[in-house]
PDB file of N, CA and C in Angstrom:
ATOM      1  N   MET A   1     -87.368  39.863 -10.183  1.00  0.00           N
ATOM      2  CA  MET A   1     -87.843  38.543 -10.546  1.00  0.00           C
ATOM      3  C   MET A   1     -88.928  38.634 -11.614  1.00  0.00           C
ATOM      4  N   GLU A   2     -89.791  39.612 -11.500  1.00  0.00           N
ATOM      5  CA  GLU A   2     -90.866  39.798 -12.477  1.00  0.00           C
ATOM      6  C   GLU A   2     -90.287  40.101 -13.862  1.00  0.00           C
ATOM      7  N   ASN A   3     -89.186  40.857 -13.898  1.00  0.00           N
ATOM      8  CA  ASN A   3     -88.539  41.149 -15.187  1.00  0.00           C
ATOM      9  C   ASN A   3     -88.095  39.864 -15.882  1.00  0.00           C
ATOM     10  N   LEU A   4     -87.545  38.933 -15.116  1.00  0.00           N
ATOM     11  CA  LEU A   4     -87.088  37.667 -15.700  1.00  0.00           C
ATOM     12  C   LEU A   4     -88.261  36.859 -16.242  1.00  0.00           C
ATOM     13  N   ARG A   5     -89.351  36.844 -15.512  1.00  0.00           N
ATOM     14  CA  ARG A   5     -90.543  36.120 -15.988  1.00  0.00           C
ATOM     15  C   ARG A   5     -91.056  36.732 -17.292  1.00  0.00           C
ATOM     16  N   ARG A   6     -91.112  38.040 -17.331  1.00  0.00           N
ATOM     17  CA  ARG A   6     -91.597  38.743 -18.524  1.00  0.00           C
ATOM     18  C   ARG A   6     -90.679  38.475 -19.709  1.00  0.00           C
ATOM     19  N   LEU A   7     -89.354  38.530 -19.466  1.00  0.00           N
ATOM     20  CA  LEU A   7     -88.400  38.283 -20.539  1.00  0.00           C
ATOM     21  C   LEU A   7     -88.462  36.836 -21.033  1.00  0.00           C
ATOM     22  N   SER A   8     -88.673  35.905 -20.138  1.00  0.00           N
ATOM     23  CA  SER A   8     -88.705  34.486 -20.531  1.00  0.00           C
ATOM     24  C   SER A   8     -89.888  34.168 -21.441  1.00  0.00           C
ATOM     25  N   LYS A   9     -90.919  35.004 -21.413  1.00  0.00           N
ATOM     26  CA  LYS A   9     -92.089  34.776 -22.253  1.00  0.00           C
ATOM     27  C   LYS A   9     -91.925  35.344 -23.662  1.00  0.00           C
ATOM     28  N   ARG A  10     -90.885  36.145 -23.872  1.00  0.00           N
ATOM     29  CA  ARG A  10     -90.663  36.727 -25.200  1.00  0.00           C
ATOM     30  C   ARG A  10     -90.066  35.677 -26.135  1.00  0.00           C
ATOM     31  N   PRO A  11     -90.416  35.720 -27.423  1.00  0.00           N
ATOM     32  CA  PRO A  11     -89.878  34.734 -28.376  1.00  0.00           C
ATOM     33  C   PRO A  11     -88.390  34.976 -28.654  1.00  0.00           C
ATOM     34  N   ASP A  12     -87.675  33.920 -29.002  1.00  0.00           N
ATOM     35  CA  ASP A  12     -86.244  34.021 -29.306  1.00  0.00           C
ATOM     36  C   ASP A  12     -85.977  34.968 -30.467  1.00  0.00           C
ATOM     37  N   SER A  13     -86.946  35.102 -31.351  1.00  0.00           N
ATOM     38  CA  SER A  13     -86.749  35.971 -32.520  1.00  0.00           C
ATOM     39  C   SER A  13     -86.546  37.440 -32.134  1.00  0.00           C
ATOM     40  N   GLU A  14     -86.881  37.803 -30.916  1.00  0.00           N
ATOM     41  CA  GLU A  14     -86.697  39.177 -30.450  1.00  0.00           C
ATOM     42  C   GLU A  14     -85.331  39.426 -29.812  1.00  0.00           C
ATOM     43  N   ILE A  15     -84.490  38.410 -29.760  1.00  0.00           N
ATOM     44  CA  ILE A  15     -83.156  38.578 -29.172  1.00  0.00           C
ATOM     45  C   ILE A  15     -82.279  39.332 -30.154  1.00  0.00           C
ATOM     46  N   ASP A  16     -81.602  40.358 -29.667  1.00  0.00           N
ATOM     47  CA  ASP A  16     -80.710  41.171 -30.500  1.00  0.00           C
ATOM     48  C   ASP A  16     -79.280  40.649 -30.370  1.00  0.00           C
ATOM     49  N   PHE A  17     -78.778  40.043 -31.448  1.00  0.00           N
ATOM     50  CA  PHE A  17     -77.425  39.499 -31.462  1.00  0.00           C
ATOM     51  C   PHE A  17     -76.432  40.438 -32.150  1.00  0.00           C
ATOM     52  N   SER A  18     -76.840  41.653 -32.464  1.00  0.00           N
ATOM     53  CA  SER A  18     -76.020  42.548 -33.278  1.00  0.00           C
ATOM     54  C   SER A  18     -74.684  42.918 -32.634  1.00  0.00           C
ATOM     55  N   ASP A  19     -74.586  42.893 -31.312  1.00  0.00           N
ATOM     56  CA  ASP A  19     -73.332  43.271 -30.660  1.00  0.00           C
ATOM     57  C   ASP A  19     -72.472  42.069 -30.280  1.00  0.00           C
ATOM     58  N   ILE A  20     -72.874  40.867 -30.727  1.00  0.00           N
ATOM     59  CA  ILE A  20     -72.115  39.652 -30.426  1.00  0.00           C
ATOM     60  C   ILE A  20     -71.361  39.228 -31.675  1.00  0.00           C
ATOM     61  N   PRO A  21     -70.035  39.070 -31.595  1.00  0.00           N
ATOM     62  CA  PRO A  21     -69.283  38.675 -32.789  1.00  0.00           C
ATOM     63  C   PRO A  21     -69.664  37.263 -33.239  1.00  0.00           C
ATOM     64  N   GLU A  22     -69.704  37.066 -34.547  1.00  0.00           N
ATOM     65  CA  GLU A  22     -70.037  35.764 -35.109  1.00  0.00           C
ATOM     66  C   GLU A  22     -68.884  34.792 -34.901  1.00  0.00           C
ATOM     67  N   ILE A  23     -69.205  33.573 -34.519  1.00  0.00           N
ATOM     68  CA  ILE A  23     -68.192  32.528 -34.353  1.00  0.00           C
ATOM     69  C   ILE A  23     -68.113  31.778 -35.676  1.00  0.00           C
ATOM     70  N   LYS A  24     -66.965  31.871 -36.335  1.00  0.00           N
ATOM     71  CA  LYS A  24     -66.827  31.256 -37.659  1.00  0.00           C
ATOM     72  C   LYS A  24     -66.172  29.892 -37.613  1.00  0.00           C
ATOM     73  N   SER A  25     -65.416  29.606 -36.577  1.00  0.00           N
ATOM     74  CA  SER A  25     -64.788  28.289 -36.456  1.00  0.00           C
ATOM     75  C   SER A  25     -64.570  27.985 -34.979  1.00  0.00           C
ATOM     76  N   LYS A  26     -64.313  26.722 -34.722  1.00  0.00           N
ATOM     77  CA  LYS A  26     -64.057  26.314 -33.340  1.00  0.00           C
ATOM     78  C   LYS A  26     -62.665  26.778 -32.932  1.00  0.00           C
ATOM     79  N   PRO A  27     -62.522  27.244 -31.703  1.00  0.00           N
ATOM     80  CA  PRO A  27     -61.204  27.685 -31.243  1.00  0.00           C
ATOM     81  C   PRO A  27     -60.219  26.516 -31.168  1.00  0.00           C
ATOM     82  N   PRO A  28     -58.920  26.800 -31.274  1.00  0.00           N
ATOM     83  CA  PRO A  28     -57.930  25.727 -31.167  1.00  0.00           C
ATOM     84  C   PRO A  28     -58.057  25.006 -29.826  1.00  0.00           C
ATOM     85  N   GLY A  29     -57.932  23.701 -29.851  1.00  0.00           N
ATOM     86  CA  GLY A  29     -58.036  22.919 -28.623  1.00  0.00           C
ATOM     87  C   GLY A  29     -59.455  22.645 -28.179  1.00  0.00           C
ATOM     88  N   TYR A  30     -60.428  22.987 -29.031  1.00  0.00           N
ATOM     89  CA  TYR A  30     -61.830  22.779 -28.702  1.00  0.00           C
ATOM     90  C   TYR A  30     -62.122  21.290 -28.585  1.00  0.00           C
ATOM     91  N   VAL A  31     -62.760  20.882 -27.487  1.00  0.00           N
ATOM     92  CA  VAL A  31     -63.077  19.476 -27.258  1.00  0.00           C
ATOM     93  C   VAL A  31     -64.543  19.364 -26.870  1.00  0.00           C
ATOM     94  N   VAL A  32     -65.309  18.581 -27.628  1.00  0.00           N
ATOM     95  CA  VAL A  32     -66.717  18.363 -27.311  1.00  0.00           C
ATOM     96  C   VAL A  32     -66.815  17.519 -26.050  1.00  0.00           C
ATOM     97  N   GLY A  33     -67.659  17.918 -25.119  1.00  0.00           N
ATOM     98  CA  GLY A  33     -67.883  17.143 -23.906  1.00  0.00           C
ATOM     99  C   GLY A  33     -66.759  17.207 -22.898  1.00  0.00           C
ATOM    100  N   LYS A  34     -65.906  18.216 -23.001  1.00  0.00           N
ATOM    101  CA  LYS A  34     -64.759  18.302 -22.103  1.00  0.00           C
ATOM    102  C   LYS A  34     -65.176  18.381 -20.633  1.00  0.00           C
ATOM    103  N   PHE A  35     -66.256  19.101 -20.365  1.00  0.00           N
ATOM    104  CA  PHE A  35     -66.662  19.302 -18.980  1.00  0.00           C
ATOM    105  C   PHE A  35     -67.890  18.495 -18.594  1.00  0.00           C
ATOM    106  N   TYR A  36     -68.650  18.001 -19.574  1.00  0.00           N
ATOM    107  CA  TYR A  36     -69.839  17.209 -19.270  1.00  0.00           C
ATOM    108  C   TYR A  36     -69.509  15.738 -19.442  1.00  0.00           C
ATOM    109  N   ARG A  37     -69.582  15.019 -18.363  1.00  0.00           N
ATOM    110  CA  ARG A  37     -69.333  13.580 -18.388  1.00  0.00           C
ATOM    111  C   ARG A  37     -70.490  12.893 -17.663  1.00  0.00           C
ATOM    112  N   PRO A  38     -71.427  12.314 -18.415  1.00  0.00           N
ATOM    113  CA  PRO A  38     -72.524  11.628 -17.733  1.00  0.00           C
ATOM    114  C   PRO A  38     -71.999  10.471 -16.887  1.00  0.00           C
ATOM    115  N   ARG A  39     -72.657  10.205 -15.809  1.00  0.00           N
ATOM    116  CA  ARG A  39     -72.262   9.095 -14.954  1.00  0.00           C
ATOM    117  C   ARG A  39     -72.473   7.785 -15.706  1.00  0.00           C
ATOM    118  N   LYS A  40     -71.524   6.909 -15.645  1.00  0.00           N
ATOM    119  CA  LYS A  40     -71.592   5.618 -16.335  1.00  0.00           C
ATOM    120  C   LYS A  40     -72.069   4.548 -15.357  1.00  0.00           C
ATOM    121  N   THR A  41     -72.782   3.577 -15.887  1.00  0.00           N
ATOM    122  CA  THR A  41     -73.249   2.440 -15.113  1.00  0.00           C
ATOM    123  C   THR A  41     -72.748   1.177 -15.787  1.00  0.00           C
ATOM    124  N   SER A  42     -72.111   0.337 -15.030  1.00  0.00           N
ATOM    125  CA  SER A  42     -71.628  -0.932 -15.558  1.00  0.00           C
ATOM    126  C   SER A  42     -72.778  -1.935 -15.571  1.00  0.00           C
ATOM    127  N   LEU A  43     -72.908  -2.669 -16.682  1.00  0.00           N
ATOM    128  CA  LEU A  43     -73.951  -3.678 -16.753  1.00  0.00           C
ATOM    129  C   LEU A  43     -73.515  -4.823 -17.661  1.00  0.00           C
ATOM    130  N   THR A  44     -74.240  -5.907 -17.589  1.00  0.00           N
ATOM    131  CA  THR A  44     -73.970  -7.060 -18.431  1.00  0.00           C
ATOM    132  C   THR A  44     -75.134  -7.211 -19.401  1.00  0.00           C
ATOM    133  N   MET A  45     -74.811  -7.359 -20.685  1.00  0.00           N
ATOM    134  CA  MET A  45     -75.840  -7.551 -21.710  1.00  0.00           C
ATOM    135  C   MET A  45     -75.516  -8.810 -22.504  1.00  0.00           C
ATOM    136  N   ARG A  46     -76.521  -9.441 -22.994  1.00  0.00           N
ATOM    137  CA  ARG A  46     -76.327 -10.594 -23.866  1.00  0.00           C
ATOM    138  C   ARG A  46     -76.652 -10.142 -25.280  1.00  0.00           C
ATOM    139  N   LEU A  47     -75.643 -10.156 -26.141  1.00  0.00           N
ATOM    140  CA  LEU A  47     -75.794  -9.741 -27.533  1.00  0.00           C
ATOM    141  C   LEU A  47     -75.448 -10.906 -28.446  1.00  0.00           C
ATOM    142  N   ASP A  48     -75.994 -10.890 -29.650  1.00  0.00           N
ATOM    143  CA  ASP A  48     -75.663 -11.921 -30.626  1.00  0.00           C
ATOM    144  C   ASP A  48     -74.180 -11.831 -30.979  1.00  0.00           C
ATOM    145  N   ALA A  49     -73.564 -12.998 -31.176  1.00  0.00           N
ATOM    146  CA  ALA A  49     -72.125 -13.073 -31.432  1.00  0.00           C
ATOM    147  C   ALA A  49     -71.718 -12.271 -32.671  1.00  0.00           C
ATOM    148  N   ASP A  50     -72.550 -12.303 -33.721  1.00  0.00           N
ATOM    149  CA  ASP A  50     -72.188 -11.565 -34.934  1.00  0.00           C
ATOM    150  C   ASP A  50     -72.236 -10.054 -34.718  1.00  0.00           C
ATOM    151  N   VAL A  51     -73.139  -9.603 -33.849  1.00  0.00           N
ATOM    152  CA  VAL A  51     -73.217  -8.174 -33.520  1.00  0.00           C
ATOM    153  C   VAL A  51     -71.961  -7.757 -32.763  1.00  0.00           C
ATOM    154  N   VAL A  52     -71.558  -8.555 -31.795  1.00  0.00           N
ATOM    155  CA  VAL A  52     -70.352  -8.253 -31.012  1.00  0.00           C
ATOM    156  C   VAL A  52     -69.129  -8.264 -31.923  1.00  0.00           C
ATOM    157  N   ALA A  53     -69.044  -9.229 -32.829  1.00  0.00           N
ATOM    158  CA  ALA A  53     -67.908  -9.294 -33.759  1.00  0.00           C
ATOM    159  C   ALA A  53     -67.866  -8.051 -34.634  1.00  0.00           C
ATOM    160  N   TRP A  54     -69.024  -7.612 -35.109  1.00  0.00           N
ATOM    161  CA  TRP A  54     -69.069  -6.406 -35.939  1.00  0.00           C
ATOM    162  C   TRP A  54     -68.624  -5.186 -35.138  1.00  0.00           C
ATOM    163  N   LEU A  55     -69.130  -5.047 -33.908  1.00  0.00           N
ATOM    164  CA  LEU A  55     -68.758  -3.907 -33.068  1.00  0.00           C
ATOM    165  C   LEU A  55     -67.254  -3.885 -32.813  1.00  0.00           C
ATOM    166  N   ARG A  56     -66.711  -5.019 -32.406  1.00  0.00           N
ATOM    167  CA  ARG A  56     -65.273  -5.085 -32.122  1.00  0.00           C
ATOM    168  C   ARG A  56     -64.462  -4.867 -33.388  1.00  0.00           C
ATOM    169  N   GLY A  57     -64.999  -5.270 -34.519  1.00  0.00           N
ATOM    170  CA  GLY A  57     -64.305  -5.101 -35.789  1.00  0.00           C
ATOM    171  C   GLY A  57     -64.227  -3.657 -36.255  1.00  0.00           C
ATOM    172  N   THR A  58     -65.024  -2.792 -35.632  1.00  0.00           N
ATOM    173  CA  THR A  58     -64.993  -1.374 -36.011  1.00  0.00           C
ATOM    174  C   THR A  58     -63.848  -0.632 -35.336  1.00  0.00           C
ATOM    175  N   GLY A  59     -63.077  -1.333 -34.496  1.00  0.00           N
ATOM    176  CA  GLY A  59     -61.897  -0.723 -33.897  1.00  0.00           C
ATOM    177  C   GLY A  59     -62.090  -0.332 -32.446  1.00  0.00           C
ATOM    178  N   GLU A  60     -61.062   0.307 -31.929  1.00  0.00           N
ATOM    179  CA  GLU A  60     -61.090   0.735 -30.529  1.00  0.00           C
ATOM    180  C   GLU A  60     -62.250   1.697 -30.287  1.00  0.00           C
ATOM    181  N   GLY A  61     -62.738   1.678 -29.078  1.00  0.00           N
ATOM    182  CA  GLY A  61     -63.812   2.588 -28.700  1.00  0.00           C
ATOM    183  C   GLY A  61     -65.196   2.087 -29.084  1.00  0.00           C
ATOM    184  N   TYR A  62     -65.316   0.796 -29.363  1.00  0.00           N
ATOM    185  CA  TYR A  62     -66.618   0.288 -29.798  1.00  0.00           C
ATOM    186  C   TYR A  62     -67.679   0.434 -28.707  1.00  0.00           C
ATOM    187  N   GLN A  63     -67.290   0.339 -27.437  1.00  0.00           N
ATOM    188  CA  GLN A  63     -68.272   0.499 -26.364  1.00  0.00           C
ATOM    189  C   GLN A  63     -68.791   1.929 -26.321  1.00  0.00           C
ATOM    190  N   THR A  64     -67.918   2.880 -26.560  1.00  0.00           N
ATOM    191  CA  THR A  64     -68.330   4.280 -26.611  1.00  0.00           C
ATOM    192  C   THR A  64     -69.277   4.499 -27.783  1.00  0.00           C
ATOM    193  N   ARG A  65     -68.983   3.868 -28.931  1.00  0.00           N
ATOM    194  CA  ARG A  65     -69.864   4.001 -30.084  1.00  0.00           C
ATOM    195  C   ARG A  65     -71.232   3.373 -29.813  1.00  0.00           C
ATOM    196  N   VAL A  66     -71.260   2.232 -29.136  1.00  0.00           N
ATOM    197  CA  VAL A  66     -72.541   1.609 -28.775  1.00  0.00           C
ATOM    198  C   VAL A  66     -73.341   2.586 -27.916  1.00  0.00           C
ATOM    199  N   ASN A  67     -72.686   3.223 -26.964  1.00  0.00           N
ATOM    200  CA  ASN A  67     -73.358   4.202 -26.112  1.00  0.00           C
ATOM    201  C   ASN A  67     -73.913   5.345 -26.958  1.00  0.00           C
ATOM    202  N   SER A  68     -73.134   5.806 -27.938  1.00  0.00           N
ATOM    203  CA  SER A  68     -73.585   6.887 -28.820  1.00  0.00           C
ATOM    204  C   SER A  68     -74.784   6.451 -29.656  1.00  0.00           C
ATOM    205  N   TYR A  69     -74.742   5.226 -30.183  1.00  0.00           N
ATOM    206  CA  TYR A  69     -75.867   4.704 -30.969  1.00  0.00           C
ATOM    207  C   TYR A  69     -77.136   4.668 -30.120  1.00  0.00           C
ATOM    208  N   LEU A  70     -76.998   4.175 -28.891  1.00  0.00           N
ATOM    209  CA  LEU A  70     -78.164   4.080 -28.013  1.00  0.00           C
ATOM    210  C   LEU A  70     -78.670   5.458 -27.605  1.00  0.00           C
ATOM    211  N   ARG A  71     -77.747   6.403 -27.356  1.00  0.00           N
ATOM    212  CA  ARG A  71     -78.157   7.764 -26.996  1.00  0.00           C
ATOM    213  C   ARG A  71     -78.929   8.410 -28.148  1.00  0.00           C
ATOM    214  N   GLU A  72     -78.442   8.217 -29.374  1.00  0.00           N
ATOM    215  CA  GLU A  72     -79.117   8.773 -30.550  1.00  0.00           C
ATOM    216  C   GLU A  72     -80.522   8.191 -30.683  1.00  0.00           C
ATOM    217  N   LEU A  73     -80.649   6.877 -30.506  1.00  0.00           N
ATOM    218  CA  LEU A  73     -81.953   6.221 -30.555  1.00  0.00           C
ATOM    219  C   LEU A  73     -82.865   6.750 -29.451  1.00  0.00           C
ATOM    220  N   MET A  74     -82.320   6.938 -28.249  1.00  0.00           N
ATOM    221  CA  MET A  74     -83.099   7.461 -27.128  1.00  0.00           C
ATOM    222  C   MET A  74     -83.619   8.852 -27.445  1.00  0.00           C
ATOM    223  N   GLN A  75     -82.764   9.713 -28.000  1.00  0.00           N
ATOM    224  CA  GLN A  75     -83.172  11.091 -28.286  1.00  0.00           C
ATOM    225  C   GLN A  75     -84.193  11.154 -29.414  1.00  0.00           C
ATOM    226  N   ARG A  76     -84.088  10.254 -30.395  1.00  0.00           N
ATOM    227  CA  ARG A  76     -85.082  10.227 -31.481  1.00  0.00           C
ATOM    228  C   ARG A  76     -86.445   9.776 -30.996  1.00  0.00           C
ATOM    229  N   SER A  77     -86.469   8.961 -29.955  1.00  0.00           N
ATOM    230  CA  SER A  77     -87.754   8.414 -29.485  1.00  0.00           C
ATOM    231  C   SER A  77     -88.484   9.340 -28.530  1.00  0.00           C
ATOM    232  N   ARG A  78     -87.880  10.447 -28.175  1.00  0.00           N
ATOM    233  CA  ARG A  78     -88.544  11.398 -27.230  1.00  0.00           C
ATOM    234  C   ARG A  78     -89.635  12.167 -27.901  1.00  0.00           C
TER     235      ARG A  78
END
């Protein structure tokens, strides 16, 4: 256990990657978020009609895009 504590205090710049092959491209069939699925919560929001029209006008998956926009805003504000 003490070894792990000591190692965790070392800077990342000391990690030796020389024996790890470089990844040059994503493997075939690679899917982002394949195994990580955050729990979803259903809710009701009141949005301006023009905002909703714009979102729906961007095509299928607009709710997923809204979630992505909000997640990006959340991460920037941390």
